[in-house]
């Protein structure tokens, strides 16, 4: 492996025999090295794979600032999350999560107070699996560092794990998706005068559908076309829900500049119908204003 670029004494960009780039971390790895020199593989302690969302320069900046012990701790968190949530939790989440954990640990060492994260109630309701893993991660940090981070730190950790599904490092899209879900549930509650149980199975399915819709849009994929007869049947049977789904599609187009297809509207309408039916057939407390 050859040195392609020296970022500092401890971080270099290497290129292997197949031409693949890797950000390499190791004490003294870049000292007195220059492009074209052989990498001292015995000094390499960590390897990071750049991506379109996280270029080599950004990784190098992160790993130069984050203590190696914090990166190692985060690696164990990522391993835990992958075991609990699945293979979509890749190494791409490592650096942004390590950056956050390192920041949280520094704040704890300085005796700083808790941070009020936005959307914390929505995150806990809409992403229960990720929040559960994030709480396990806080237990892991406490066991290994003897530091009990505030319970609210499960919120940003969970968002990083949700973000892993999209293969991105920037949380802005995931935060927007969460805000959109909150607005959509509020729209359904207002229009149909029902209280939607955010912890219900139907909401979980709706959230999953929207998450995969986000993935499809990012990958430029579309749902398989459905026969017009199905659209006509649903428009006839559930015209109000179909209209609501159209409004959700307009929100998606407005917020993310997507072109939402009629097939996506069909599936959104099915989910809206399930949510409305589940809320309307629940106990009396689930219906608003019908005393």
C-alpha atoms as a PDB file:
ATOM      1  CA  UNK A   1       0.000   0.000   0.000  1.00  0.00           C
ATOM      2  CA  UNK A   2       1.265   3.471  -0.965  1.00  0.00           C
ATOM      3  CA  UNK A   3       0.841   6.860   0.670  1.00  0.00           C
ATOM      4  CA  UNK A   4      -1.380   9.089  -1.460  1.00  0.00           C
ATOM      5  CA  UNK A   5      -1.549  12.044   0.930  1.00  0.00           C
ATOM      6  CA  UNK A   6      -0.217  12.943   4.366  1.00  0.00           C
ATOM      7  CA  UNK A   7      -2.781  14.705   6.537  1.00  0.00           C
ATOM      8  CA  UNK A   8      -0.645  14.928   9.668  1.00  0.00           C
ATOM      9  CA  UNK A   9       1.842  12.865  11.704  1.00  0.00           C
ATOM     10  CA  UNK A  10      -0.818  10.281  12.581  1.00  0.00           C
ATOM     11  CA  UNK A  11      -3.197  10.208   9.593  1.00  0.00           C
ATOM     12  CA  UNK A  12      -2.504   9.440   5.940  1.00  0.00           C
ATOM     13  CA  UNK A  13      -4.501   8.552   2.861  1.00  0.00           C
ATOM     14  CA  UNK A  14      -3.363   5.200   1.496  1.00  0.00           C
ATOM     15  CA  UNK A  15      -4.046   3.489  -1.818  1.00  0.00           C
ATOM     16  CA  UNK A  16      -3.993  -0.301  -2.035  1.00  0.00           C
ATOM     17  CA  UNK A  17      -3.029  -2.518  -4.974  1.00  0.00           C
ATOM     18  CA  UNK A  18      -6.540  -2.305  -6.424  1.00  0.00           C
ATOM     19  CA  UNK A  19      -6.566   1.493  -6.302  1.00  0.00           C
ATOM     20  CA  UNK A  20      -8.974   1.701  -3.353  1.00  0.00           C
ATOM     21  CA  UNK A  21      -8.430   4.624  -0.987  1.00  0.00           C
ATOM     22  CA  UNK A  22      -8.302   4.212   2.805  1.00  0.00           C
ATOM     23  CA  UNK A  23      -7.799   6.744   5.567  1.00  0.00           C
ATOM     24  CA  UNK A  24      -5.211   5.207   7.886  1.00  0.00           C
ATOM     25  CA  UNK A  25      -4.669   6.117  11.521  1.00  0.00           C
ATOM     26  CA  UNK A  26      -1.592   5.238  13.544  1.00  0.00           C
ATOM     27  CA  UNK A  27       0.793   6.969  15.893  1.00  0.00           C
ATOM     28  CA  UNK A  28       3.629   8.473  13.846  1.00  0.00           C
ATOM     29  CA  UNK A  29       2.251   6.944  10.633  1.00  0.00           C
ATOM     30  CA  UNK A  30       2.671  10.148   8.620  1.00  0.00           C
ATOM     31  CA  UNK A  31       5.894  11.368  10.205  1.00  0.00           C
ATOM     32  CA  UNK A  32       8.457  12.252   7.502  1.00  0.00           C
ATOM     33  CA  UNK A  33       6.349  10.428   4.890  1.00  0.00           C
ATOM     34  CA  UNK A  34       5.539  11.710   1.411  1.00  0.00           C
ATOM     35  CA  UNK A  35       3.188  10.649  -1.403  1.00  0.00           C
ATOM     36  CA  UNK A  36       4.386   7.523  -3.167  1.00  0.00           C
ATOM     37  CA  UNK A  37       6.156   6.055  -0.130  1.00  0.00           C
ATOM     38  CA  UNK A  38       5.220   2.651   1.213  1.00  0.00           C
ATOM     39  CA  UNK A  39       2.824   2.720   4.159  1.00  0.00           C
ATOM     40  CA  UNK A  40       4.333   1.307   7.347  1.00  0.00           C
ATOM     41  CA  UNK A  41       1.565  -1.247   7.914  1.00  0.00           C
ATOM     42  CA  UNK A  42       2.915  -2.140  11.348  1.00  0.00           C
ATOM     43  CA  UNK A  43       1.953   1.346  12.526  1.00  0.00           C
ATOM     44  CA  UNK A  44      -1.629   1.215  11.175  1.00  0.00           C
ATOM     45  CA  UNK A  45      -4.098   1.047  14.059  1.00  0.00           C
ATOM     46  CA  UNK A  46      -7.361   1.851  12.245  1.00  0.00           C
ATOM     47  CA  UNK A  47      -8.614   1.943   8.661  1.00  0.00           C
ATOM     48  CA  UNK A  48     -11.544   4.030   7.430  1.00  0.00           C
ATOM     49  CA  UNK A  49     -13.227   3.821   4.036  1.00  0.00           C
ATOM     50  CA  UNK A  50     -14.116   7.190   2.435  1.00  0.00           C
ATOM     51  CA  UNK A  51     -17.470   7.500   0.690  1.00  0.00           C
ATOM     52  CA  UNK A  52     -19.405  10.018  -1.345  1.00  0.00           C
ATOM     53  CA  UNK A  53     -20.995  11.394   1.807  1.00  0.00           C
ATOM     54  CA  UNK A  54     -17.795  11.269   3.878  1.00  0.00           C
ATOM     55  CA  UNK A  55     -14.710  12.150   1.812  1.00  0.00           C
ATOM     56  CA  UNK A  56     -11.207  11.355   2.987  1.00  0.00           C
ATOM     57  CA  UNK A  57     -10.481  14.926   4.108  1.00  0.00           C
ATOM     58  CA  UNK A  58     -13.508  14.951   6.405  1.00  0.00           C
ATOM     59  CA  UNK A  59     -12.610  11.576   7.932  1.00  0.00           C
ATOM     60  CA  UNK A  60      -9.047  12.765   8.475  1.00  0.00           C
ATOM     61  CA  UNK A  61     -10.272  15.903  10.248  1.00  0.00           C
ATOM     62  CA  UNK A  62     -12.497  13.834  12.517  1.00  0.00           C
ATOM     63  CA  UNK A  63      -9.982  11.165  13.460  1.00  0.00           C
ATOM     64  CA  UNK A  64      -7.310  13.768  14.142  1.00  0.00           C
ATOM     65  CA  UNK A  65      -9.580  15.392  16.768  1.00  0.00           C
ATOM     66  CA  UNK A  66     -11.192  12.308  18.333  1.00  0.00           C
ATOM     67  CA  UNK A  67      -9.121  10.362  20.895  1.00  0.00           C
ATOM     68  CA  UNK A  68      -8.381   6.825  19.739  1.00  0.00           C
ATOM     69  CA  UNK A  69      -9.968   5.443  22.920  1.00  0.00           C
ATOM     70  CA  UNK A  70     -13.267   7.127  21.969  1.00  0.00           C
ATOM     71  CA  UNK A  71     -13.107   5.634  18.468  1.00  0.00           C
ATOM     72  CA  UNK A  72     -12.487   2.184  19.954  1.00  0.00           C
ATOM     73  CA  UNK A  73     -15.433   2.619  22.324  1.00  0.00           C
ATOM     74  CA  UNK A  74     -17.654   3.661  19.421  1.00  0.00           C
ATOM     75  CA  UNK A  75     -16.559   0.617  17.436  1.00  0.00           C
ATOM     76  CA  UNK A  76     -18.013  -1.557  20.208  1.00  0.00           C
ATOM     77  CA  UNK A  77     -21.231   0.468  20.110  1.00  0.00           C
ATOM     78  CA  UNK A  78     -21.472  -0.049  16.334  1.00  0.00           C
ATOM     79  CA  UNK A  79     -20.886  -3.787  16.766  1.00  0.00           C
ATOM     80  CA  UNK A  80     -23.660  -3.890  19.371  1.00  0.00           C
ATOM     81  CA  UNK A  81     -26.025  -1.963  17.082  1.00  0.00           C
ATOM     82  CA  UNK A  82     -25.265  -4.217  14.107  1.00  0.00           C
ATOM     83  CA  UNK A  83     -26.020  -7.301  16.198  1.00  0.00           C
ATOM     84  CA  UNK A  84     -29.331  -5.820  17.360  1.00  0.00           C
ATOM     85  CA  UNK A  85     -30.536  -3.973  14.246  1.00  0.00           C
ATOM     86  CA  UNK A  86     -28.917  -5.640  11.251  1.00  0.00           C
ATOM     87  CA  UNK A  87     -26.156  -5.317   8.699  1.00  0.00           C
ATOM     88  CA  UNK A  88     -27.266  -1.865   7.489  1.00  0.00           C
ATOM     89  CA  UNK A  89     -25.408  -0.457  10.509  1.00  0.00           C
ATOM     90  CA  UNK A  90     -22.065  -0.214   8.711  1.00  0.00           C
ATOM     91  CA  UNK A  91     -18.732   1.384   9.513  1.00  0.00           C
ATOM     92  CA  UNK A  92     -19.960   4.583   7.850  1.00  0.00           C
ATOM     93  CA  UNK A  93     -21.773   5.476  11.070  1.00  0.00           C
ATOM     94  CA  UNK A  94     -18.602   5.082  13.127  1.00  0.00           C
ATOM     95  CA  UNK A  95     -16.972   8.494  12.659  1.00  0.00           C
ATOM     96  CA  UNK A  96     -20.037  10.741  13.141  1.00  0.00           C
ATOM     97  CA  UNK A  97     -21.133   8.695  16.148  1.00  0.00           C
ATOM     98  CA  UNK A  98     -17.605   8.752  17.608  1.00  0.00           C
ATOM     99  CA  UNK A  99     -17.552  12.512  17.152  1.00  0.00           C
ATOM    100  CA  UNK A 100     -20.792  12.830  19.116  1.00  0.00           C
ATOM    101  CA  UNK A 101     -19.815  10.370  21.855  1.00  0.00           C
ATOM    102  CA  UNK A 102     -16.446  12.059  22.303  1.00  0.00           C
ATOM    103  CA  UNK A 103     -18.172  15.437  22.614  1.00  0.00           C
ATOM    104  CA  UNK A 104     -20.635  14.031  25.176  1.00  0.00           C
ATOM    105  CA  UNK A 105     -17.801  12.519  27.209  1.00  0.00           C
ATOM    106  CA  UNK A 106     -15.910  15.823  27.196  1.00  0.00           C
ATOM    107  CA  UNK A 107     -19.011  17.644  28.409  1.00  0.00           C
ATOM    108  CA  UNK A 108     -19.482  15.088  31.190  1.00  0.00           C
ATOM    109  CA  UNK A 109     -15.847  15.489  32.269  1.00  0.00           C
ATOM    110  CA  UNK A 110     -16.323  19.252  32.413  1.00  0.00           C
ATOM    111  CA  UNK A 111     -19.489  18.916  34.462  1.00  0.00           C
ATOM    112  CA  UNK A 112     -21.623  20.582  31.797  1.00  0.00           C
ATOM    113  CA  UNK A 113     -25.400  20.291  32.025  1.00  0.00           C
ATOM    114  CA  UNK A 114     -27.732  18.268  29.837  1.00  0.00           C
ATOM    115  CA  UNK A 115     -28.488  19.332  26.281  1.00  0.00           C
ATOM    116  CA  UNK A 116     -32.139  19.727  25.301  1.00  0.00           C
ATOM    117  CA  UNK A 117     -32.382  17.875  21.997  1.00  0.00           C
ATOM    118  CA  UNK A 118     -35.294  18.708  19.686  1.00  0.00           C
ATOM    119  CA  UNK A 119     -37.725  15.937  18.716  1.00  0.00           C
ATOM    120  CA  UNK A 120     -36.737  13.778  21.675  1.00  0.00           C
ATOM    121  CA  UNK A 121     -40.297  12.609  22.310  1.00  0.00           C
ATOM    122  CA  UNK A 122     -40.853  11.886  18.616  1.00  0.00           C
ATOM    123  CA  UNK A 123     -37.602   9.943  18.353  1.00  0.00           C
ATOM    124  CA  UNK A 124     -38.503   7.790  21.362  1.00  0.00           C
ATOM    125  CA  UNK A 125     -41.973   7.070  19.962  1.00  0.00           C
ATOM    126  CA  UNK A 126     -41.134   6.590  16.294  1.00  0.00           C
ATOM    127  CA  UNK A 127     -37.832   4.712  16.524  1.00  0.00           C
ATOM    128  CA  UNK A 128     -38.198   2.412  19.557  1.00  0.00           C
ATOM    129  CA  UNK A 129     -35.718  -0.227  18.324  1.00  0.00           C
ATOM    130  CA  UNK A 130     -32.950   2.326  17.758  1.00  0.00           C
ATOM    131  CA  UNK A 131     -33.665   4.046  21.076  1.00  0.00           C
ATOM    132  CA  UNK A 132     -33.449   0.704  22.900  1.00  0.00           C
ATOM    133  CA  UNK A 133     -30.023   0.058  21.354  1.00  0.00           C
ATOM    134  CA  UNK A 134     -28.917   3.610  22.146  1.00  0.00           C
ATOM    135  CA  UNK A 135     -29.801   3.027  25.806  1.00  0.00           C
ATOM    136  CA  UNK A 136     -27.738  -0.159  25.733  1.00  0.00           C
ATOM    137  CA  UNK A 137     -24.905   1.905  24.304  1.00  0.00           C
ATOM    138  CA  UNK A 138     -25.118   4.301  27.263  1.00  0.00           C
ATOM    139  CA  UNK A 139     -24.865   1.286  29.576  1.00  0.00           C
ATOM    140  CA  UNK A 140     -21.792   0.154  27.640  1.00  0.00           C
ATOM    141  CA  UNK A 141     -20.185   3.587  28.008  1.00  0.00           C
ATOM    142  CA  UNK A 142     -20.908   3.568  31.742  1.00  0.00           C
ATOM    143  CA  UNK A 143     -19.418   0.084  32.161  1.00  0.00           C
ATOM    144  CA  UNK A 144     -16.247   0.873  30.208  1.00  0.00           C
ATOM    145  CA  UNK A 145     -15.630   4.488  31.201  1.00  0.00           C
ATOM    146  CA  UNK A 146     -17.330   4.737  34.570  1.00  0.00           C
ATOM    147  CA  UNK A 147     -19.290   7.713  33.237  1.00  0.00           C
ATOM    148  CA  UNK A 148     -23.085   7.720  33.147  1.00  0.00           C
ATOM    149  CA  UNK A 149     -24.074  10.041  30.308  1.00  0.00           C
ATOM    150  CA  UNK A 150     -27.498  11.731  30.568  1.00  0.00           C
ATOM    151  CA  UNK A 151     -30.371   9.513  29.428  1.00  0.00           C
ATOM    152  CA  UNK A 152     -31.320  12.093  26.798  1.00  0.00           C
ATOM    153  CA  UNK A 153     -28.093  11.222  24.913  1.00  0.00           C
ATOM    154  CA  UNK A 154     -29.982   8.160  23.643  1.00  0.00           C
ATOM    155  CA  UNK A 155     -31.838  10.528  21.286  1.00  0.00           C
ATOM    156  CA  UNK A 156     -28.914  11.622  19.045  1.00  0.00           C
ATOM    157  CA  UNK A 157     -27.394   8.134  19.206  1.00  0.00           C
ATOM    158  CA  UNK A 158     -30.702   6.680  18.001  1.00  0.00           C
ATOM    159  CA  UNK A 159     -30.830   9.231  15.167  1.00  0.00           C
ATOM    160  CA  UNK A 160     -27.357   8.133  14.055  1.00  0.00           C
ATOM    161  CA  UNK A 161     -28.625   4.539  13.960  1.00  0.00           C
ATOM    162  CA  UNK A 162     -31.712   5.547  11.954  1.00  0.00           C
ATOM    163  CA  UNK A 163     -29.422   7.487   9.636  1.00  0.00           C
ATOM    164  CA  UNK A 164     -27.351   4.343   9.081  1.00  0.00           C
ATOM    165  CA  UNK A 165     -30.226   2.930   7.044  1.00  0.00           C
ATOM    166  CA  UNK A 166     -29.637   5.662   4.463  1.00  0.00           C
ATOM    167  CA  UNK A 167     -25.863   5.208   4.356  1.00  0.00           C
ATOM    168  CA  UNK A 168     -25.427   8.871   5.198  1.00  0.00           C
ATOM    169  CA  UNK A 169     -23.487  10.692   7.883  1.00  0.00           C
ATOM    170  CA  UNK A 170     -25.378  13.988   7.890  1.00  0.00           C
ATOM    171  CA  UNK A 171     -28.335  13.818  10.278  1.00  0.00           C
ATOM    172  CA  UNK A 172     -30.266  16.611   8.570  1.00  0.00           C
ATOM    173  CA  UNK A 173     -32.321  14.300   6.352  1.00  0.00           C
ATOM    174  CA  UNK A 174     -33.201  12.005   9.245  1.00  0.00           C
ATOM    175  CA  UNK A 175     -34.227  14.986  11.374  1.00  0.00           C
ATOM    176  CA  UNK A 176     -36.375  16.269   8.503  1.00  0.00           C
ATOM    177  CA  UNK A 177     -37.948  12.837   8.120  1.00  0.00           C
ATOM    178  CA  UNK A 178     -38.785  12.812  11.827  1.00  0.00           C
ATOM    179  CA  UNK A 179     -40.301  16.293  11.599  1.00  0.00           C
ATOM    180  CA  UNK A 180     -42.324  15.148   8.587  1.00  0.00           C
ATOM    181  CA  UNK A 181     -43.603  12.082  10.462  1.00  0.00           C
ATOM    182  CA  UNK A 182     -44.661  14.308  13.351  1.00  0.00           C
ATOM    183  CA  UNK A 183     -46.534  16.611  10.967  1.00  0.00           C
ATOM    184  CA  UNK A 184     -48.184  13.736   9.097  1.00  0.00           C
ATOM    185  CA  UNK A 185     -49.442  12.165  12.339  1.00  0.00           C
ATOM    186  CA  UNK A 186     -50.728  15.573  13.441  1.00  0.00           C
ATOM    187  CA  UNK A 187     -52.546  16.002  10.109  1.00  0.00           C
ATOM    188  CA  UNK A 188     -54.241  12.619  10.467  1.00  0.00           C
ATOM    189  CA  UNK A 189     -55.225  13.345  14.060  1.00  0.00           C
ATOM    190  CA  UNK A 190     -56.696  16.745  13.151  1.00  0.00           C
ATOM    191  CA  UNK A 191     -58.492  15.749   9.969  1.00  0.00           C
ATOM    192  CA  UNK A 192     -60.070  12.594  11.369  1.00  0.00           C
ATOM    193  CA  UNK A 193     -60.454  13.774  14.981  1.00  0.00           C
ATOM    194  CA  UNK A 194     -58.582  10.779  16.362  1.00  0.00           C
ATOM    195  CA  UNK A 195     -55.618  10.338  18.674  1.00  0.00           C
ATOM    196  CA  UNK A 196     -53.006   8.313  16.822  1.00  0.00           C
ATOM    197  CA  UNK A 197     -51.050   6.031  19.140  1.00  0.00           C
ATOM    198  CA  UNK A 198     -47.446   6.652  18.094  1.00  0.00           C
ATOM    199  CA  UNK A 199     -46.356   3.398  19.757  1.00  0.00           C
ATOM    200  CA  UNK A 200     -48.848   1.237  17.869  1.00  0.00           C
ATOM    201  CA  UNK A 201     -47.955  -1.459  15.348  1.00  0.00           C
ATOM    202  CA  UNK A 202     -49.684   0.487  12.576  1.00  0.00           C
ATOM    203  CA  UNK A 203     -47.568   3.579  13.219  1.00  0.00           C
ATOM    204  CA  UNK A 204     -44.444   1.391  13.280  1.00  0.00           C
ATOM    205  CA  UNK A 205     -45.397  -0.018   9.866  1.00  0.00           C
ATOM    206  CA  UNK A 206     -46.078   3.461   8.523  1.00  0.00           C
ATOM    207  CA  UNK A 207     -42.707   4.697   9.796  1.00  0.00           C
ATOM    208  CA  UNK A 208     -40.992   1.699   8.185  1.00  0.00           C
ATOM    209  CA  UNK A 209     -42.725   2.411   4.883  1.00  0.00           C
ATOM    210  CA  UNK A 210     -41.627   6.049   4.934  1.00  0.00           C
ATOM    211  CA  UNK A 211     -38.080   5.062   5.823  1.00  0.00           C
ATOM    212  CA  UNK A 212     -37.903   2.741   2.824  1.00  0.00           C
ATOM    213  CA  UNK A 213     -39.485   5.450   0.681  1.00  0.00           C
ATOM    214  CA  UNK A 214     -36.559   7.677   1.694  1.00  0.00           C
ATOM    215  CA  UNK A 215     -34.103   4.923   0.761  1.00  0.00           C
ATOM    216  CA  UNK A 216     -35.777   4.401  -2.625  1.00  0.00           C
ATOM    217  CA  UNK A 217     -35.678   8.121  -3.394  1.00  0.00           C
ATOM    218  CA  UNK A 218     -32.015   8.326  -2.449  1.00  0.00           C
ATOM    219  CA  UNK A 219     -31.222   5.377  -4.699  1.00  0.00           C
ATOM    220  CA  UNK A 220     -33.413   6.613  -7.545  1.00  0.00           C
ATOM    221  CA  UNK A 221     -35.700   3.592  -7.343  1.00  0.00           C
ATOM    222  CA  UNK A 222     -39.471   3.533  -7.677  1.00  0.00           C
ATOM    223  CA  UNK A 223     -42.175   1.117  -6.608  1.00  0.00           C
ATOM    224  CA  UNK A 224     -43.363  -1.396  -9.164  1.00  0.00           C
ATOM    225  CA  UNK A 225     -46.311   0.029 -11.085  1.00  0.00           C
ATOM    226  CA  UNK A 226     -49.689  -1.104  -9.805  1.00  0.00           C
ATOM    227  CA  UNK A 227     -52.786  -1.567 -12.001  1.00  0.00           C
ATOM    228  CA  UNK A 228     -55.018   1.484 -12.350  1.00  0.00           C
ATOM    229  CA  UNK A 229     -57.913  -0.669 -11.129  1.00  0.00           C
ATOM    230  CA  UNK A 230     -56.345  -0.745  -7.651  1.00  0.00           C
ATOM    231  CA  UNK A 231     -56.009   3.023  -7.594  1.00  0.00           C
ATOM    232  CA  UNK A 232     -59.603   3.455  -8.747  1.00  0.00           C
ATOM    233  CA  UNK A 233     -60.872   0.961  -6.170  1.00  0.00           C
ATOM    234  CA  UNK A 234     -59.090   2.684  -3.295  1.00  0.00           C
ATOM    235  CA  UNK A 235     -60.133   6.154  -4.453  1.00  0.00           C
ATOM    236  CA  UNK A 236     -63.716   4.913  -4.516  1.00  0.00           C
ATOM    237  CA  UNK A 237     -63.603   3.050  -1.205  1.00  0.00           C
ATOM    238  CA  UNK A 238     -61.475   5.534   0.776  1.00  0.00           C
ATOM    239  CA  UNK A 239     -61.584   8.877  -1.057  1.00  0.00           C
ATOM    240  CA  UNK A 240     -60.766  10.921   2.034  1.00  0.00           C
ATOM    241  CA  UNK A 241     -57.724   8.824   2.922  1.00  0.00           C
ATOM    242  CA  UNK A 242     -56.544   8.906  -0.691  1.00  0.00           C
ATOM    243  CA  UNK A 243     -56.757  12.704  -0.625  1.00  0.00           C
ATOM    244  CA  UNK A 244     -54.795  12.777   2.639  1.00  0.00           C
ATOM    245  CA  UNK A 245     -52.122  10.595   1.054  1.00  0.00           C
ATOM    246  CA  UNK A 246     -51.940  13.099  -1.790  1.00  0.00           C
ATOM    247  CA  UNK A 247     -51.306  15.843   0.759  1.00  0.00           C
ATOM    248  CA  UNK A 248     -48.503  13.778   2.282  1.00  0.00           C
ATOM    249  CA  UNK A 249     -47.024  13.374  -1.200  1.00  0.00           C
ATOM    250  CA  UNK A 250     -47.167  17.139  -1.661  1.00  0.00           C
ATOM    251  CA  UNK A 251     -45.334  17.603   1.636  1.00  0.00           C
ATOM    252  CA  UNK A 252     -42.621  15.193   0.502  1.00  0.00           C
ATOM    253  CA  UNK A 253     -42.289  17.065  -2.777  1.00  0.00           C
ATOM    254  CA  UNK A 254     -42.168  20.409  -0.970  1.00  0.00           C
ATOM    255  CA  UNK A 255     -39.655  19.368   1.697  1.00  0.00           C
ATOM    256  CA  UNK A 256     -37.355  17.177  -0.381  1.00  0.00           C
ATOM    257  CA  UNK A 257     -38.050  18.174  -4.000  1.00  0.00           C
ATOM    258  CA  UNK A 258     -39.176  14.637  -4.806  1.00  0.00           C
ATOM    259  CA  UNK A 259     -41.506  13.584  -7.576  1.00  0.00           C
ATOM    260  CA  UNK A 260     -43.816  11.266  -5.621  1.00  0.00           C
ATOM    261  CA  UNK A 261     -45.479   8.733  -7.919  1.00  0.00           C
ATOM    262  CA  UNK A 262     -49.123   7.676  -7.849  1.00  0.00           C
ATOM    263  CA  UNK A 263     -47.976   4.228  -6.715  1.00  0.00           C
ATOM    264  CA  UNK A 264     -46.377   5.786  -3.635  1.00  0.00           C
ATOM    265  CA  UNK A 265     -49.637   7.679  -3.018  1.00  0.00           C
ATOM    266  CA  UNK A 266     -51.541   4.395  -3.190  1.00  0.00           C
ATOM    267  CA  UNK A 267     -49.424   2.797  -0.475  1.00  0.00           C
ATOM    268  CA  UNK A 268     -49.496   5.947   1.633  1.00  0.00           C
ATOM    269  CA  UNK A 269     -53.304   5.884   1.382  1.00  0.00           C
ATOM    270  CA  UNK A 270     -53.375   2.285   2.597  1.00  0.00           C
ATOM    271  CA  UNK A 271     -51.280   3.225   5.620  1.00  0.00           C
ATOM    272  CA  UNK A 272     -53.426   6.269   6.371  1.00  0.00           C
ATOM    273  CA  UNK A 273     -56.511   4.032   6.230  1.00  0.00           C
ATOM    274  CA  UNK A 274     -54.968   1.576   8.699  1.00  0.00           C
ATOM    275  CA  UNK A 275     -54.013   4.377  11.088  1.00  0.00           C
ATOM    276  CA  UNK A 276     -57.467   5.930  10.967  1.00  0.00           C
ATOM    277  CA  UNK A 277     -59.226   2.586  11.416  1.00  0.00           C
ATOM    278  CA  UNK A 278     -56.976   1.568  14.310  1.00  0.00           C
ATOM    279  CA  UNK A 279     -57.493   4.881  16.104  1.00  0.00           C
ATOM    280  CA  UNK A 280     -61.252   4.948  15.484  1.00  0.00           C
ATOM    281  CA  UNK A 281     -61.840   1.422  16.745  1.00  0.00           C
ATOM    282  CA  UNK A 282     -59.762   1.852  19.893  1.00  0.00           C
ATOM    283  CA  UNK A 283     -61.151   2.702  23.301  1.00  0.00           C
ATOM    284  CA  UNK A 284     -63.111   5.877  23.942  1.00  0.00           C
ATOM    285  CA  UNK A 285     -59.988   7.721  24.989  1.00  0.00           C
ATOM    286  CA  UNK A 286     -58.544   7.354  21.487  1.00  0.00           C
ATOM    287  CA  UNK A 287     -61.253   9.533  19.890  1.00  0.00           C
ATOM    288  CA  UNK A 288     -61.005  13.280  20.311  1.00  0.00           C
ATOM    289  CA  UNK A 289     -64.052  15.379  21.052  1.00  0.00           C
ATOM    290  CA  UNK A 290     -66.653  12.586  20.884  1.00  0.00           C
ATOM    291  CA  UNK A 291     -67.757  12.564  24.511  1.00  0.00           C
END
